[in-house]
Amino acid sequence: MSLTMKLELVPVPVSDIDRAAAFYADRLGFTLDHDVQPQPGQRFVQLTPPGSAASIVLGTGLYEPAMSGRLRGLHLVVADVAAARQQLVAAGVAVSEVVDLGGVHYAHFADPDGNTWALQQIGPFPS
């Protein structure tokens, strides 16, 4: 019997859920899947990047507030990193220039708490 494991939900530590949810939904275009408060002091907001099988969760009562902004280098894989970068810049996101690391192209940005993300394109860079 073979074991199947799927990474489907990644906790992203933030200090202000409303601000972070607005950033991910309004600026990055993530879909808001759930916004629930199962009990007092807890709130979970789940968002999914366009076309992704995996989602992120923002929450209170999920991890220590001191963890906010400590997530580094989550990758969003895109077909055209330059076009994705341009779309995010147009939405008001500060995104680095595209760099080529031996056929893998990256552009980087951070959310309002300082959690860092990479747009990644593998393969030929469009001219």
Protein backbone atom coordinates (compact mmCIF):
# COMPACT_ATOMS: atom_id res chain seq x y z
CA MET A 1 0.00 0.00 0.00
CA SER A 2 1.34 3.40 -0.94
CA LEU A 3 0.80 6.45 1.20
CA THR A 4 -0.71 9.55 -0.42
CA MET A 5 -0.06 12.94 1.12
CA LYS A 6 -1.39 16.22 -0.18
CA LEU A 7 -0.31 19.63 1.00
CA GLU A 8 -3.60 21.49 0.88
CA LEU A 9 -3.55 24.11 3.66
CA VAL A 10 -0.67 26.34 4.74
CA PRO A 11 -1.01 28.55 7.85
CA VAL A 12 0.23 32.10 7.24
CA PRO A 13 0.90 33.99 10.47
CA VAL A 14 -0.46 37.56 10.43
CA SER A 15 -1.12 40.25 13.01
CA ASP A 16 -4.33 41.63 11.47
CA ILE A 17 -6.63 39.11 9.79
CA ASP A 18 -8.84 41.69 8.08
CA ARG A 19 -5.88 43.56 6.60
CA ALA A 20 -4.21 40.34 5.45
CA ALA A 21 -7.42 38.87 4.01
CA ALA A 22 -7.99 42.08 2.03
CA PHE A 23 -4.40 41.93 0.70
CA TYR A 24 -4.69 38.32 -0.43
CA ALA A 25 -8.21 38.66 -1.88
CA ASP A 26 -8.15 42.18 -3.32
CA ARG A 27 -4.52 42.53 -4.41
CA LEU A 28 -3.51 38.95 -5.21
CA GLY A 29 -6.88 37.68 -6.39
CA PHE A 30 -7.13 34.76 -3.95
CA THR A 31 -10.65 33.37 -3.47
CA LEU A 32 -12.12 33.75 0.03
CA ASP A 33 -13.28 30.20 0.85
CA HIS A 34 -14.21 30.46 4.52
CA ASP A 35 -14.32 33.05 7.29
CA VAL A 36 -15.43 31.33 10.49
CA GLN A 37 -15.34 31.93 14.24
CA PRO A 38 -15.80 28.47 15.78
CA GLN A 39 -15.58 29.80 19.35
CA PRO A 40 -14.73 33.04 21.16
CA GLY A 41 -11.12 34.07 20.54
CA GLN A 42 -10.77 32.00 17.38
CA ARG A 43 -11.20 33.01 13.76
CA PHE A 44 -10.06 31.24 10.63
CA VAL A 45 -10.00 32.72 7.13
CA GLN A 46 -9.15 30.35 4.29
CA LEU A 47 -8.14 31.70 0.87
CA THR A 48 -7.09 29.92 -2.32
CA PRO A 49 -4.79 31.25 -5.05
CA PRO A 50 -6.36 31.22 -8.53
CA GLY A 51 -6.03 27.73 -10.05
CA SER A 52 -4.44 26.19 -6.95
CA ALA A 53 -5.33 22.97 -5.16
CA ALA A 54 -3.71 24.32 -1.99
CA SER A 55 -5.01 27.13 0.21
CA ILE A 56 -3.71 29.37 2.97
CA VAL A 57 -5.32 29.96 6.35
CA LEU A 58 -5.08 33.12 8.44
CA GLY A 59 -6.20 32.80 12.00
CA THR A 60 -6.38 33.82 15.61
CA GLY A 61 -6.10 31.10 18.19
CA LEU A 62 -4.03 29.19 15.62
CA TYR A 63 -0.46 30.17 16.53
CA GLU A 64 1.41 32.66 18.65
CA PRO A 65 1.11 36.34 17.61
CA ALA A 66 4.92 36.56 17.73
CA MET A 67 5.01 34.27 14.68
CA SER A 68 3.51 37.03 12.48
CA GLY A 69 5.68 37.81 9.47
CA ARG A 70 8.02 34.84 9.86
CA LEU A 71 6.93 32.75 6.89
CA ARG A 72 9.55 32.84 4.14
CA GLY A 73 9.57 31.91 0.48
CA LEU A 74 6.20 30.39 -0.29
CA HIS A 75 6.09 29.82 -4.04
CA LEU A 76 3.26 30.65 -6.41
CA VAL A 77 4.03 28.85 -9.66
CA VAL A 78 2.92 30.79 -12.75
CA ALA A 79 3.10 30.26 -16.51
CA ASP A 80 4.41 33.78 -17.19
CA VAL A 81 6.24 35.45 -14.31
CA ALA A 82 6.55 38.80 -16.08
CA ALA A 83 2.80 38.98 -16.74
CA ALA A 84 2.00 37.87 -13.17
CA ARG A 85 4.41 40.48 -11.80
CA GLN A 86 2.85 43.19 -13.96
CA GLN A 87 -0.66 42.25 -12.78
CA LEU A 88 0.36 42.39 -9.11
CA VAL A 89 2.20 45.69 -9.53
CA ALA A 90 -0.94 47.11 -11.18
CA ALA A 91 -2.89 45.96 -8.10
CA GLY A 92 -0.52 47.90 -5.84
CA VAL A 93 1.80 45.09 -4.72
CA ALA A 94 5.51 45.90 -4.42
CA VAL A 95 7.13 43.10 -6.47
CA SER A 96 10.84 42.76 -7.25
CA GLU A 97 12.15 42.66 -10.78
CA VAL A 98 12.24 39.22 -12.41
CA VAL A 99 15.53 37.34 -12.00
CA ASP A 100 16.71 34.29 -13.92
CA LEU A 101 18.34 31.62 -11.77
CA GLY A 102 19.46 29.21 -14.46
CA GLY A 103 16.17 28.76 -16.29
CA VAL A 104 13.97 29.27 -13.24
CA HIS A 105 12.58 32.80 -13.10
CA TYR A 106 11.54 34.53 -9.89
CA ALA A 107 9.94 37.72 -8.66
CA HIS A 108 9.46 38.31 -4.93
CA PHE A 109 7.01 40.21 -2.74
CA ALA A 110 5.81 40.35 0.87
CA ASP A 111 2.41 40.61 2.51
CA PRO A 112 1.64 43.47 4.96
CA ASP A 113 3.15 41.44 7.84
CA GLY A 114 6.41 40.70 6.03
CA ASN A 115 5.70 37.07 5.09
CA THR A 116 7.60 36.58 1.83
CA TRP A 117 6.41 35.00 -1.39
CA ALA A 118 7.98 34.11 -4.74
CA LEU A 119 6.38 34.01 -8.15
CA GLN A 120 8.15 31.15 -9.95
CA GLN A 121 8.26 30.27 -13.63
CA ILE A 122 10.16 27.20 -14.75
CA GLY A 123 11.14 26.98 -18.38
CA PRO A 124 11.78 29.43 -21.19
CA PHE A 125 11.20 33.05 -20.41
CA PRO A 126 8.84 34.67 -22.93
CA SER A 127 10.50 37.32 -25.07
